[in-house]
């Protein structure tokens, strides 16, 4: 199991993720896909 809590990510002045929390269980697949694929 993977658990992320209150994750923030970005570059320069652009903030891509703000306060994201996520649980991923064994056997699950998760992707974060933006406008550029």
N, C-alpha and C. Protein backbone atom coordinates (compact mmCIF):
# COMPACT_ATOMS: atom_id res chain seq x y z
N UNK A 1 0.84 -1.18 0.00
CA UNK A 1 0.00 0.00 0.00
C UNK A 1 0.89 1.24 0.00
N UNK A 2 0.45 2.23 -0.74
CA UNK A 2 1.13 3.52 -0.78
C UNK A 2 0.15 4.58 -0.30
N UNK A 3 0.57 5.41 0.62
CA UNK A 3 -0.26 6.49 1.13
C UNK A 3 0.47 7.81 0.98
N UNK A 4 -0.18 8.77 0.35
CA UNK A 4 0.33 10.14 0.23
C UNK A 4 -0.63 11.05 0.98
N UNK A 5 -0.10 11.97 1.77
CA UNK A 5 -0.95 12.89 2.52
C UNK A 5 -0.43 14.31 2.36
N UNK A 6 -1.34 15.20 1.99
CA UNK A 6 -1.06 16.63 1.90
C UNK A 6 0.14 16.94 1.01
N UNK A 7 0.18 16.36 -0.18
CA UNK A 7 1.29 16.53 -1.12
C UNK A 7 1.13 17.84 -1.89
N UNK A 8 2.22 18.57 -2.02
CA UNK A 8 2.29 19.79 -2.83
C UNK A 8 3.42 19.60 -3.84
N UNK A 9 3.19 19.99 -5.09
CA UNK A 9 4.23 19.87 -6.11
C UNK A 9 4.05 20.96 -7.15
N UNK A 10 5.16 21.42 -7.70
CA UNK A 10 5.10 22.44 -8.74
C UNK A 10 6.49 22.81 -9.18
N UNK A 11 6.55 23.78 -10.06
CA UNK A 11 7.83 24.29 -10.53
C UNK A 11 7.67 25.77 -10.84
N UNK A 12 8.68 26.54 -10.47
CA UNK A 12 8.57 27.99 -10.62
C UNK A 12 7.37 28.51 -9.85
N UNK A 13 6.57 29.34 -10.50
CA UNK A 13 5.36 29.88 -9.87
C UNK A 13 4.14 29.00 -10.11
N UNK A 14 4.29 27.92 -10.88
CA UNK A 14 3.17 27.04 -11.20
C UNK A 14 3.03 25.94 -10.16
N UNK A 15 1.86 25.82 -9.56
CA UNK A 15 1.62 24.77 -8.58
C UNK A 15 0.74 23.70 -9.21
N UNK A 16 1.31 22.51 -9.44
CA UNK A 16 0.61 21.42 -10.12
C UNK A 16 -0.29 20.64 -9.16
N UNK A 17 0.17 20.43 -7.95
CA UNK A 17 -0.61 19.71 -6.94
C UNK A 17 -0.65 20.54 -5.67
N UNK A 18 -1.82 20.58 -5.04
CA UNK A 18 -1.96 21.34 -3.80
C UNK A 18 -2.79 20.52 -2.82
N UNK A 19 -2.17 20.09 -1.74
CA UNK A 19 -2.85 19.39 -0.65
C UNK A 19 -3.56 18.12 -1.13
N UNK A 20 -2.87 17.29 -1.91
CA UNK A 20 -3.43 16.05 -2.45
C UNK A 20 -3.14 14.90 -1.49
N UNK A 21 -4.17 14.10 -1.20
CA UNK A 21 -4.01 12.88 -0.41
C UNK A 21 -4.53 11.71 -1.22
N UNK A 22 -3.87 10.55 -1.09
CA UNK A 22 -4.19 9.41 -1.94
C UNK A 22 -3.74 8.12 -1.28
N UNK A 23 -4.59 7.09 -1.36
CA UNK A 23 -4.23 5.74 -0.94
C UNK A 23 -4.27 4.84 -2.17
N UNK A 24 -3.21 4.07 -2.39
CA UNK A 24 -3.16 3.11 -3.50
C UNK A 24 -2.90 1.74 -2.89
N UNK A 25 -3.82 0.81 -3.14
CA UNK A 25 -3.70 -0.54 -2.61
C UNK A 25 -2.94 -1.43 -3.58
N UNK A 26 -2.45 -2.56 -3.08
CA UNK A 26 -1.73 -3.53 -3.91
C UNK A 26 -2.60 -3.94 -5.09
N UNK A 27 -2.01 -3.96 -6.28
CA UNK A 27 -2.73 -4.35 -7.48
C UNK A 27 -3.42 -3.22 -8.20
N UNK A 28 -3.46 -2.03 -7.61
CA UNK A 28 -4.09 -0.87 -8.25
C UNK A 28 -3.05 -0.08 -9.03
N UNK A 29 -3.50 0.57 -10.08
CA UNK A 29 -2.64 1.45 -10.87
C UNK A 29 -3.27 2.84 -10.88
N UNK A 30 -2.44 3.86 -10.69
CA UNK A 30 -2.91 5.25 -10.65
C UNK A 30 -1.99 6.10 -11.51
N UNK A 31 -2.58 7.05 -12.24
CA UNK A 31 -1.79 7.96 -13.07
C UNK A 31 -2.33 9.37 -12.92
N UNK A 32 -1.44 10.34 -12.95
CA UNK A 32 -1.83 11.75 -13.00
C UNK A 32 -1.50 12.23 -14.40
N UNK A 33 -2.53 12.59 -15.15
CA UNK A 33 -2.35 12.96 -16.56
C UNK A 33 -2.86 14.38 -16.75
N UNK A 34 -2.03 15.22 -17.34
CA UNK A 34 -2.40 16.60 -17.61
C UNK A 34 -2.70 16.82 -19.07
N UNK A 35 -2.85 18.08 -19.48
CA UNK A 35 -3.23 18.40 -20.85
C UNK A 35 -2.20 17.95 -21.90
N UNK A 36 -0.95 17.75 -21.50
CA UNK A 36 0.07 17.30 -22.45
C UNK A 36 0.22 15.78 -22.45
N UNK A 37 -0.67 15.10 -21.76
CA UNK A 37 -0.70 13.64 -21.78
C UNK A 37 0.21 12.99 -20.83
